[in-house]
Amino acid sequence: MSTPESKVKAAVKKMLEVSGAYFFMPYQAGMGRGGVPDIVACHKGHMMGVECKAGKGKTTALQDRELEKIRAAGGTALVIREDNMHELQEAFDAH
């Protein structure tokens, strides 16, 4: 069964595919680094981290820290929900 968050992830992946971005979803089973965004992408040479949330779901402190590290390094870090998908398109258009 599809969860609301998985629907957001599917929509984000579709937008990334259409835009020609390279992307992957890091394996999150305890072997990697905690807080890494759900989707890591590169669009026209620009690094992007996308954390997907459904409804009023909130990011954790660890996720916030990782998103801020991406921004500090010059990348784009987004929290995408059903109602702000346009922010991902705006990030594509900016680069």
PDB file of N, CA and C in Angstrom:
ATOM      1  N   MET A   1       0.839  -1.181   0.000  1.00  0.00           N
ATOM      2  CA  MET A   1       0.000   0.000   0.000  1.00  0.00           C
ATOM      3  C   MET A   1       0.885   1.246   0.000  1.00  0.00           C
ATOM      4  N   SER A   2       0.455   2.212  -0.725  1.00  0.00           N
ATOM      5  CA  SER A   2       1.197   3.452  -0.904  1.00  0.00           C
ATOM      6  C   SER A   2       0.893   4.427   0.235  1.00  0.00           C
ATOM      7  N   THR A   3       1.931   4.978   0.841  1.00  0.00           N
ATOM      8  CA  THR A   3       1.734   5.963   1.902  1.00  0.00           C
ATOM      9  C   THR A   3       1.722   7.365   1.300  1.00  0.00           C
ATOM     10  N   PRO A   4       1.175   8.351   2.021  1.00  0.00           N
ATOM     11  CA  PRO A   4       1.203   9.721   1.501  1.00  0.00           C
ATOM     12  C   PRO A   4       2.634  10.194   1.183  1.00  0.00           C
ATOM     13  N   GLU A   5       3.600   9.835   2.049  1.00  0.00           N
ATOM     14  CA  GLU A   5       4.979  10.254   1.786  1.00  0.00           C
ATOM     15  C   GLU A   5       5.548   9.562   0.551  1.00  0.00           C
ATOM     16  N   SER A   6       5.198   8.303   0.339  1.00  0.00           N
ATOM     17  CA  SER A   6       5.707   7.616  -0.851  1.00  0.00           C
ATOM     18  C   SER A   6       5.140   8.249  -2.123  1.00  0.00           C
ATOM     19  N   LYS A   7       3.949   8.794  -2.040  1.00  0.00           N
ATOM     20  CA  LYS A   7       3.371   9.496  -3.193  1.00  0.00           C
ATOM     21  C   LYS A   7       4.150  10.776  -3.485  1.00  0.00           C
ATOM     22  N   VAL A   8       4.577  11.478  -2.441  1.00  0.00           N
ATOM     23  CA  VAL A   8       5.405  12.674  -2.633  1.00  0.00           C
ATOM     24  C   VAL A   8       6.735  12.272  -3.268  1.00  0.00           C
ATOM     25  N   LYS A   9       7.354  11.208  -2.759  1.00  0.00           N
ATOM     26  CA  LYS A   9       8.625  10.729  -3.316  1.00  0.00           C
ATOM     27  C   LYS A   9       8.475  10.363  -4.790  1.00  0.00           C
ATOM     28  N   ALA A  10       7.389   9.684  -5.128  1.00  0.00           N
ATOM     29  CA  ALA A  10       7.166   9.293  -6.524  1.00  0.00           C
ATOM     30  C   ALA A  10       7.015  10.521  -7.416  1.00  0.00           C
ATOM     31  N   ALA A  11       6.311  11.533  -6.943  1.00  0.00           N
ATOM     32  CA  ALA A  11       6.128  12.758  -7.730  1.00  0.00           C
ATOM     33  C   ALA A  11       7.453  13.501  -7.902  1.00  0.00           C
ATOM     34  N   VAL A  12       8.268  13.542  -6.845  1.00  0.00           N
ATOM     35  CA  VAL A  12       9.578  14.201  -6.924  1.00  0.00           C
ATOM     36  C   VAL A  12      10.464  13.453  -7.916  1.00  0.00           C
ATOM     37  N   LYS A  13      10.489  12.122  -7.832  1.00  0.00           N
ATOM     38  CA  LYS A  13      11.318  11.336  -8.753  1.00  0.00           C
ATOM     39  C   LYS A  13      10.879  11.562 -10.197  1.00  0.00           C
ATOM     40  N   LYS A  14       9.585  11.649 -10.434  1.00  0.00           N
ATOM     41  CA  LYS A  14       9.086  11.901 -11.788  1.00  0.00           C
ATOM     42  C   LYS A  14       9.575  13.263 -12.288  1.00  0.00           C
ATOM     43  N   MET A  15       9.507  14.292 -11.439  1.00  0.00           N
ATOM     44  CA  MET A  15       9.988  15.618 -11.832  1.00  0.00           C
ATOM     45  C   MET A  15      11.486  15.590 -12.129  1.00  0.00           C
ATOM     46  N   LEU A  16      12.239  14.859 -11.322  1.00  0.00           N
ATOM     47  CA  LEU A  16      13.682  14.752 -11.553  1.00  0.00           C
ATOM     48  C   LEU A  16      13.971  14.041 -12.867  1.00  0.00           C
ATOM     49  N   GLU A  17      13.242  12.980 -13.143  1.00  0.00           N
ATOM     50  CA  GLU A  17      13.427  12.251 -14.405  1.00  0.00           C
ATOM     51  C   GLU A  17      13.144  13.153 -15.597  1.00  0.00           C
ATOM     52  N   VAL A  18      12.034  13.864 -15.555  1.00  0.00           N
ATOM     53  CA  VAL A  18      11.637  14.750 -16.655  1.00  0.00           C
ATOM     54  C   VAL A  18      12.673  15.859 -16.861  1.00  0.00           C
ATOM     55  N   SER A  19      13.267  16.332 -15.762  1.00  0.00           N
ATOM     56  CA  SER A  19      14.244  17.424 -15.856  1.00  0.00           C
ATOM     57  C   SER A  19      15.610  16.949 -16.357  1.00  0.00           C
ATOM     58  N   GLY A  20      15.819  15.634 -16.402  1.00  0.00           N
ATOM     59  CA  GLY A  20      17.113  15.097 -16.825  1.00  0.00           C
ATOM     60  C   GLY A  20      18.137  15.032 -15.703  1.00  0.00           C
ATOM     61  N   ALA A  21      17.694  15.161 -14.468  1.00  0.00           N
ATOM     62  CA  ALA A  21      18.609  15.136 -13.324  1.00  0.00           C
ATOM     63  C   ALA A  21      19.093  13.716 -13.052  1.00  0.00           C
ATOM     64  N   TYR A  22      20.301  13.620 -12.505  1.00  0.00           N
ATOM     65  CA  TYR A  22      20.811  12.372 -11.944  1.00  0.00           C
ATOM     66  C   TYR A  22      20.326  12.363 -10.495  1.00  0.00           C
ATOM     67  N   PHE A  23      19.825  11.232 -10.007  1.00  0.00           N
ATOM     68  CA  PHE A  23      19.399  11.182  -8.609  1.00  0.00           C
ATOM     69  C   PHE A  23      19.421   9.751  -8.089  1.00  0.00           C
ATOM     70  N   PHE A  24      19.450   9.643  -6.781  1.00  0.00           N
ATOM     71  CA  PHE A  24      19.338   8.349  -6.114  1.00  0.00           C
ATOM     72  C   PHE A  24      18.741   8.557  -4.730  1.00  0.00           C
ATOM     73  N   MET A  25      18.268   7.464  -4.188  1.00  0.00           N
ATOM     74  CA  MET A  25      17.716   7.476  -2.833  1.00  0.00           C
ATOM     75  C   MET A  25      18.676   6.699  -1.939  1.00  0.00           C
ATOM     76  N   PRO A  26      19.379   7.386  -1.025  1.00  0.00           N
ATOM     77  CA  PRO A  26      20.344   6.698  -0.172  1.00  0.00           C
ATOM     78  C   PRO A  26      19.694   5.596   0.666  1.00  0.00           C
ATOM     79  N   TYR A  27      20.418   4.513   0.826  1.00  0.00           N
ATOM     80  CA  TYR A  27      19.962   3.390   1.646  1.00  0.00           C
ATOM     81  C   TYR A  27      19.961   3.831   3.100  1.00  0.00           C
ATOM     82  N   GLN A  28      18.851   3.709   3.784  1.00  0.00           N
ATOM     83  CA  GLN A  28      18.690   4.268   5.128  1.00  0.00           C
ATOM     84  C   GLN A  28      18.615   3.208   6.233  1.00  0.00           C
ATOM     85  N   ALA A  29      19.254   2.086   6.073  1.00  0.00           N
ATOM     86  CA  ALA A  29      19.102   0.996   7.050  1.00  0.00           C
ATOM     87  C   ALA A  29      20.246   0.914   8.054  1.00  0.00           C
ATOM     88  N   GLY A  30      20.662   2.011   8.613  1.00  0.00           N
ATOM     89  CA  GLY A  30      21.640   1.992   9.681  1.00  0.00           C
ATOM     90  C   GLY A  30      23.091   1.928   9.259  1.00  0.00           C
ATOM     91  N   MET A  31      23.369   1.694   8.000  1.00  0.00           N
ATOM     92  CA  MET A  31      24.752   1.587   7.553  1.00  0.00           C
ATOM     93  C   MET A  31      25.307   2.927   7.081  1.00  0.00           C
ATOM     94  N   GLY A  32      24.428   3.856   6.800  1.00  0.00           N
ATOM     95  CA  GLY A  32      24.860   5.151   6.282  1.00  0.00           C
ATOM     96  C   GLY A  32      24.792   6.233   7.340  1.00  0.00           C
ATOM     97  N   ARG A  33      24.812   7.435   6.883  1.00  0.00           N
ATOM     98  CA  ARG A  33      24.799   8.603   7.748  1.00  0.00           C
ATOM     99  C   ARG A  33      23.355   9.020   8.030  1.00  0.00           C
ATOM    100  N   GLY A  34      23.025   9.253   9.271  1.00  0.00           N
ATOM    101  CA  GLY A  34      21.674   9.638   9.652  1.00  0.00           C
ATOM    102  C   GLY A  34      21.316  11.035   9.171  1.00  0.00           C
ATOM    103  N   GLY A  35      20.056  11.228   8.847  1.00  0.00           N
ATOM    104  CA  GLY A  35      19.565  12.545   8.473  1.00  0.00           C
ATOM    105  C   GLY A  35      19.741  12.924   7.021  1.00  0.00           C
ATOM    106  N   VAL A  36      20.387  12.059   6.238  1.00  0.00           N
ATOM    107  CA  VAL A  36      20.603  12.350   4.819  1.00  0.00           C
ATOM    108  C   VAL A  36      19.236  12.456   4.142  1.00  0.00           C
ATOM    109  N   PRO A  37      19.058  13.430   3.232  1.00  0.00           N
ATOM    110  CA  PRO A  37      17.757  13.592   2.578  1.00  0.00           C
ATOM    111  C   PRO A  37      17.303  12.330   1.852  1.00  0.00           C
ATOM    112  N   ASP A  38      15.994  12.224   1.662  1.00  0.00           N
ATOM    113  CA  ASP A  38      15.412  11.070   0.980  1.00  0.00           C
ATOM    114  C   ASP A  38      15.963  10.888  -0.424  1.00  0.00           C
ATOM    115  N   ILE A  39      16.189  12.004  -1.119  1.00  0.00           N
ATOM    116  CA  ILE A  39      16.664  11.950  -2.504  1.00  0.00           C
ATOM    117  C   ILE A  39      17.839  12.915  -2.655  1.00  0.00           C
ATOM    118  N   VAL A  40      18.914  12.425  -3.230  1.00  0.00           N
ATOM    119  CA  VAL A  40      20.089  13.242  -3.541  1.00  0.00           C
ATOM    120  C   VAL A  40      20.157  13.326  -5.063  1.00  0.00           C
ATOM    121  N   ALA A  41      20.305  14.550  -5.582  1.00  0.00           N
ATOM    122  CA  ALA A  41      20.253  14.737  -7.033  1.00  0.00           C
ATOM    123  C   ALA A  41      21.313  15.725  -7.492  1.00  0.00           C
ATOM    124  N   CYS A  42      21.588  15.654  -8.788  1.00  0.00           N
ATOM    125  CA  CYS A  42      22.438  16.641  -9.448  1.00  0.00           C
ATOM    126  C   CYS A  42      21.690  17.079 -10.704  1.00  0.00           C
ATOM    127  N   HIS A  43      21.446  18.373 -10.803  1.00  0.00           N
ATOM    128  CA  HIS A  43      20.723  18.934 -11.944  1.00  0.00           C
ATOM    129  C   HIS A  43      21.580  20.032 -12.560  1.00  0.00           C
ATOM    130  N   LYS A  44      22.017  19.801 -13.789  1.00  0.00           N
ATOM    131  CA  LYS A  44      22.863  20.761 -14.508  1.00  0.00           C
ATOM    132  C   LYS A  44      24.081  21.167 -13.669  1.00  0.00           C
ATOM    133  N   GLY A  45      24.686  20.180 -13.033  1.00  0.00           N
ATOM    134  CA  GLY A  45      25.895  20.411 -12.258  1.00  0.00           C
ATOM    135  C   GLY A  45      25.665  20.957 -10.864  1.00  0.00           C
ATOM    136  N   HIS A  46      24.435  21.069 -10.445  1.00  0.00           N
ATOM    137  CA  HIS A  46      24.112  21.626  -9.131  1.00  0.00           C
ATOM    138  C   HIS A  46      23.563  20.528  -8.222  1.00  0.00           C
ATOM    139  N   MET A  47      24.148  20.406  -7.040  1.00  0.00           N
ATOM    140  CA  MET A  47      23.747  19.373  -6.087  1.00  0.00           C
ATOM    141  C   MET A  47      22.462  19.785  -5.383  1.00  0.00           C
ATOM    142  N   MET A  48      21.559  18.801  -5.223  1.00  0.00           N
ATOM    143  CA  MET A  48      20.294  19.038  -4.542  1.00  0.00           C
ATOM    144  C   MET A  48      20.017  17.905  -3.565  1.00  0.00           C
ATOM    145  N   GLY A  49      19.500  18.258  -2.410  1.00  0.00           N
ATOM    146  CA  GLY A  49      19.010  17.281  -1.445  1.00  0.00           C
ATOM    147  C   GLY A  49      17.533  17.545  -1.232  1.00  0.00           C
ATOM    148  N   VAL A  50      16.714  16.512  -1.350  1.00  0.00           N
ATOM    149  CA  VAL A  50      15.269  16.678  -1.217  1.00  0.00           C
ATOM    150  C   VAL A  50      14.750  15.752  -0.119  1.00  0.00           C
ATOM    151  N   GLU A  51      14.221  16.346   0.916  1.00  0.00           N
ATOM    152  CA  GLU A  51      13.550  15.601   1.977  1.00  0.00           C
ATOM    153  C   GLU A  51      12.058  15.654   1.678  1.00  0.00           C
ATOM    154  N   CYS A  52      11.421  14.506   1.603  1.00  0.00           N
ATOM    155  CA  CYS A  52       9.997  14.430   1.258  1.00  0.00           C
ATOM    156  C   CYS A  52       9.175  14.211   2.530  1.00  0.00           C
ATOM    157  N   LYS A  53       8.146  14.994   2.667  1.00  0.00           N
ATOM    158  CA  LYS A  53       7.237  14.880   3.808  1.00  0.00           C
ATOM    159  C   LYS A  53       5.808  14.961   3.304  1.00  0.00           C
ATOM    160  N   ALA A  54       4.914  14.317   4.010  1.00  0.00           N
ATOM    161  CA  ALA A  54       3.497  14.386   3.667  1.00  0.00           C
ATOM    162  C   ALA A  54       2.765  15.198   4.719  1.00  0.00           C
ATOM    163  N   GLY A  55       1.765  15.922   4.272  1.00  0.00           N
ATOM    164  CA  GLY A  55       0.942  16.687   5.207  1.00  0.00           C
ATOM    165  C   GLY A  55       1.758  17.642   6.039  1.00  0.00           C
ATOM    166  N   LYS A  56       1.589  17.562   7.335  1.00  0.00           N
ATOM    167  CA  LYS A  56       2.294  18.462   8.252  1.00  0.00           C
ATOM    168  C   LYS A  56       3.504  17.777   8.887  1.00  0.00           C
ATOM    169  N   GLY A  57       3.977  16.683   8.266  1.00  0.00           N
ATOM    170  CA  GLY A  57       5.143  15.979   8.779  1.00  0.00           C
ATOM    171  C   GLY A  57       6.327  16.932   8.937  1.00  0.00           C
ATOM    172  N   LYS A  58       7.056  16.767   9.994  1.00  0.00           N
ATOM    173  CA  LYS A  58       8.172  17.666  10.306  1.00  0.00           C
ATOM    174  C   LYS A  58       9.507  16.957  10.130  1.00  0.00           C
ATOM    175  N   THR A  59      10.501  17.734   9.774  1.00  0.00           N
ATOM    176  CA  THR A  59      11.857  17.202   9.705  1.00  0.00           C
ATOM    177  C   THR A  59      12.403  17.047  11.118  1.00  0.00           C
ATOM    178  N   THR A  60      13.323  16.111  11.272  1.00  0.00           N
ATOM    179  CA  THR A  60      13.984  15.927  12.570  1.00  0.00           C
ATOM    180  C   THR A  60      15.150  16.906  12.666  1.00  0.00           C
ATOM    181  N   ALA A  61      15.679  17.062  13.859  1.00  0.00           N
ATOM    182  CA  ALA A  61      16.846  17.922  14.055  1.00  0.00           C
ATOM    183  C   ALA A  61      18.018  17.416  13.215  1.00  0.00           C
ATOM    184  N   LEU A  62      18.175  16.115  13.121  1.00  0.00           N
ATOM    185  CA  LEU A  62      19.254  15.529  12.327  1.00  0.00           C
ATOM    186  C   LEU A  62      19.060  15.841  10.843  1.00  0.00           C
ATOM    187  N   GLN A  63      17.837  15.740  10.335  1.00  0.00           N
ATOM    188  CA  GLN A  63      17.564  16.094   8.943  1.00  0.00           C
ATOM    189  C   GLN A  63      17.824  17.580   8.701  1.00  0.00           C
ATOM    190  N   ASP A  64      17.399  18.417   9.631  1.00  0.00           N
ATOM    191  CA  ASP A  64      17.638  19.862   9.498  1.00  0.00           C
ATOM    192  C   ASP A  64      19.132  20.163   9.416  1.00  0.00           C
ATOM    193  N   ARG A  65      19.916  19.472  10.235  1.00  0.00           N
ATOM    194  CA  ARG A  65      21.367  19.687  10.222  1.00  0.00           C
ATOM    195  C   ARG A  65      21.962  19.310   8.870  1.00  0.00           C
ATOM    196  N   GLU A  66      21.550  18.171   8.320  1.00  0.00           N
ATOM    197  CA  GLU A  66      22.081  17.742   7.024  1.00  0.00           C
ATOM    198  C   GLU A  66      21.646  18.680   5.896  1.00  0.00           C
ATOM    199  N   LEU A  67      20.400  19.130   5.919  1.00  0.00           N
ATOM    200  CA  LEU A  67      19.931  20.075   4.900  1.00  0.00           C
ATOM    201  C   LEU A  67      20.728  21.377   4.973  1.00  0.00           C
ATOM    202  N   GLU A  68      21.019  21.827   6.174  1.00  0.00           N
ATOM    203  CA  GLU A  68      21.792  23.061   6.326  1.00  0.00           C
ATOM    204  C   GLU A  68      23.231  22.869   5.826  1.00  0.00           C
ATOM    205  N   LYS A  69      23.815  21.701   6.034  1.00  0.00           N
ATOM    206  CA  LYS A  69      25.166  21.436   5.529  1.00  0.00           C
ATOM    207  C   LYS A  69      25.189  21.490   4.000  1.00  0.00           C
ATOM    208  N   ILE A  70      24.140  20.992   3.362  1.00  0.00           N
ATOM    209  CA  ILE A  70      24.051  21.065   1.900  1.00  0.00           C
ATOM    210  C   ILE A  70      24.001  22.517   1.460  1.00  0.00           C
ATOM    211  N   ARG A  71      23.165  23.310   2.115  1.00  0.00           N
ATOM    212  CA  ARG A  71      23.069  24.747   1.775  1.00  0.00           C
ATOM    213  C   ARG A  71      24.403  25.456   1.994  1.00  0.00           C
ATOM    214  N   ALA A  72      25.065  25.155   3.102  1.00  0.00           N
ATOM    215  CA  ALA A  72      26.343  25.803   3.417  1.00  0.00           C
ATOM    216  C   ALA A  72      27.411  25.462   2.380  1.00  0.00           C
ATOM    217  N   ALA A  73      27.291  24.304   1.755  1.00  0.00           N
ATOM    218  CA  ALA A  73      28.254  23.881   0.730  1.00  0.00           C
ATOM    219  C   ALA A  73      27.889  24.410  -0.654  1.00  0.00           C
ATOM    220  N   GLY A  74      26.800  25.171  -0.744  1.00  0.00           N
ATOM    221  CA  GLY A  74      26.409  25.760  -2.024  1.00  0.00           C
ATOM    222  C   GLY A  74      25.352  24.989  -2.785  1.00  0.00           C
ATOM    223  N   GLY A  75      24.838  23.923  -2.193  1.00  0.00           N
ATOM    224  CA  GLY A  75      23.788  23.140  -2.842  1.00  0.00           C
ATOM    225  C   GLY A  75      22.406  23.665  -2.493  1.00  0.00           C
ATOM    226  N   THR A  76      21.414  23.034  -3.061  1.00  0.00           N
ATOM    227  CA  THR A  76      20.022  23.361  -2.769  1.00  0.00           C
ATOM    228  C   THR A  76      19.451  22.247  -1.911  1.00  0.00           C
ATOM    229  N   ALA A  77      18.827  22.616  -0.805  1.00  0.00           N
ATOM    230  CA  ALA A  77      18.210  21.643   0.093  1.00  0.00           C
ATOM    231  C   ALA A  77      16.749  22.027   0.279  1.00  0.00           C
ATOM    232  N   LEU A  78      15.870  21.102  -0.046  1.00  0.00           N
ATOM    233  CA  LEU A  78      14.437  21.379  -0.017  1.00  0.00           C
ATOM    234  C   LEU A  78      13.691  20.356   0.823  1.00  0.00           C
ATOM    235  N   VAL A  79      12.619  20.819   1.445  1.00  0.00           N
ATOM    236  CA  VAL A  79      11.641  19.922   2.060  1.00  0.00           C
ATOM    237  C   VAL A  79      10.402  20.052   1.191  1.00  0.00           C
ATOM    238  N   ILE A  80      10.066  18.974   0.487  1.00  0.00           N
ATOM    239  CA  ILE A  80       8.972  19.012  -0.475  1.00  0.00           C
ATOM    240  C   ILE A  80       7.779  18.221   0.063  1.00  0.00           C
ATOM    241  N   ARG A  81       6.618  18.857  -0.062  1.00  0.00           N
ATOM    242  CA  ARG A  81       5.339  18.270   0.332  1.00  0.00           C
ATOM    243  C   ARG A  81       4.391  18.325  -0.850  1.00  0.00           C
ATOM    244  N   GLU A  82       3.215  17.783  -0.678  1.00  0.00           N
ATOM    245  CA  GLU A  82       2.219  17.796  -1.752  1.00  0.00           C
ATOM    246  C   GLU A  82       1.927  19.220  -2.226  1.00  0.00           C
ATOM    247  N   ASP A  83       1.950  20.171  -1.315  1.00  0.00           N
ATOM    248  CA  ASP A  83       1.512  21.533  -1.643  1.00  0.00           C
ATOM    249  C   ASP A  83       2.621  22.493  -2.056  1.00  0.00           C
ATOM    250  N   ASN A  84       3.868  22.036  -2.124  1.00  0.00           N
ATOM    251  CA  ASN A  84       4.941  22.957  -2.534  1.00  0.00           C
ATOM    252  C   ASN A  84       5.868  22.357  -3.595  1.00  0.00           C
ATOM    253  N   MET A  85       5.340  21.484  -4.422  1.00  0.00           N
ATOM    254  CA  MET A  85       6.121  20.878  -5.503  1.00  0.00           C
ATOM    255  C   MET A  85       6.723  21.940  -6.416  1.00  0.00           C
ATOM    256  N   HIS A  86       6.053  23.087  -6.512  1.00  0.00           N
ATOM    257  CA  HIS A  86       6.555  24.169  -7.367  1.00  0.00           C
ATOM    258  C   HIS A  86       7.952  24.626  -6.943  1.00  0.00           C
ATOM    259  N   GLU A  87       8.307  24.452  -5.665  1.00  0.00           N
ATOM    260  CA  GLU A  87       9.637  24.861  -5.208  1.00  0.00           C
ATOM    261  C   GLU A  87      10.730  24.025  -5.876  1.00  0.00           C
ATOM    262  N   LEU A  88      10.439  22.774  -6.171  1.00  0.00           N
ATOM    263  CA  LEU A  88      11.414  21.947  -6.876  1.00  0.00           C
ATOM    264  C   LEU A  88      11.594  22.449  -8.298  1.00  0.00           C
ATOM    265  N   GLN A  89      10.507  22.770  -8.965  1.00  0.00           N
ATOM    266  CA  GLN A  89      10.593  23.331 -10.328  1.00  0.00           C
ATOM    267  C   GLN A  89      11.352  24.661 -10.306  1.00  0.00           C
ATOM    268  N   GLU A  90      11.112  25.484  -9.301  1.00  0.00           N
ATOM    269  CA  GLU A  90      11.818  26.765  -9.177  1.00  0.00           C
ATOM    270  C   GLU A  90      13.321  26.536  -9.001  1.00  0.00           C
ATOM    271  N   ALA A  91      13.680  25.489  -8.260  1.00  0.00           N
ATOM    272  CA  ALA A  91      15.104  25.169  -8.075  1.00  0.00           C
ATOM    273  C   ALA A  91      15.724  24.733  -9.397  1.00  0.00           C
ATOM    274  N   PHE A  92      14.979  23.956 -10.218  1.00  0.00           N
ATOM    275  CA  PHE A  92      15.473  23.584 -11.547  1.00  0.00           C
ATOM    276  C   PHE A  92      15.688  24.840 -12.393  1.00  0.00           C
ATOM    277  N   ASP A  93      14.713  25.724 -12.385  1.00  0.00           N
ATOM    278  CA  ASP A  93      14.762  26.929 -13.204  1.00  0.00           C
ATOM    279  C   ASP A  93      15.902  27.870 -12.793  1.00  0.00           C
ATOM    280  N   ALA A  94      16.298  27.804 -11.534  1.00  0.00           N
ATOM    281  CA  ALA A  94      17.359  28.693 -11.019  1.00  0.00           C
ATOM    282  C   ALA A  94      18.740  28.264 -11.485  1.00  0.00           C
ATOM    283  N   HIS A  95      18.874  27.040 -12.003  1.00  0.00           N
ATOM    284  CA  HIS A  95      20.202  26.524 -12.395  1.00  0.00           C
ATOM    285  C   HIS A  95      20.196  25.984 -13.798  1.00  0.00           C
TER     286      HIS A  95
END
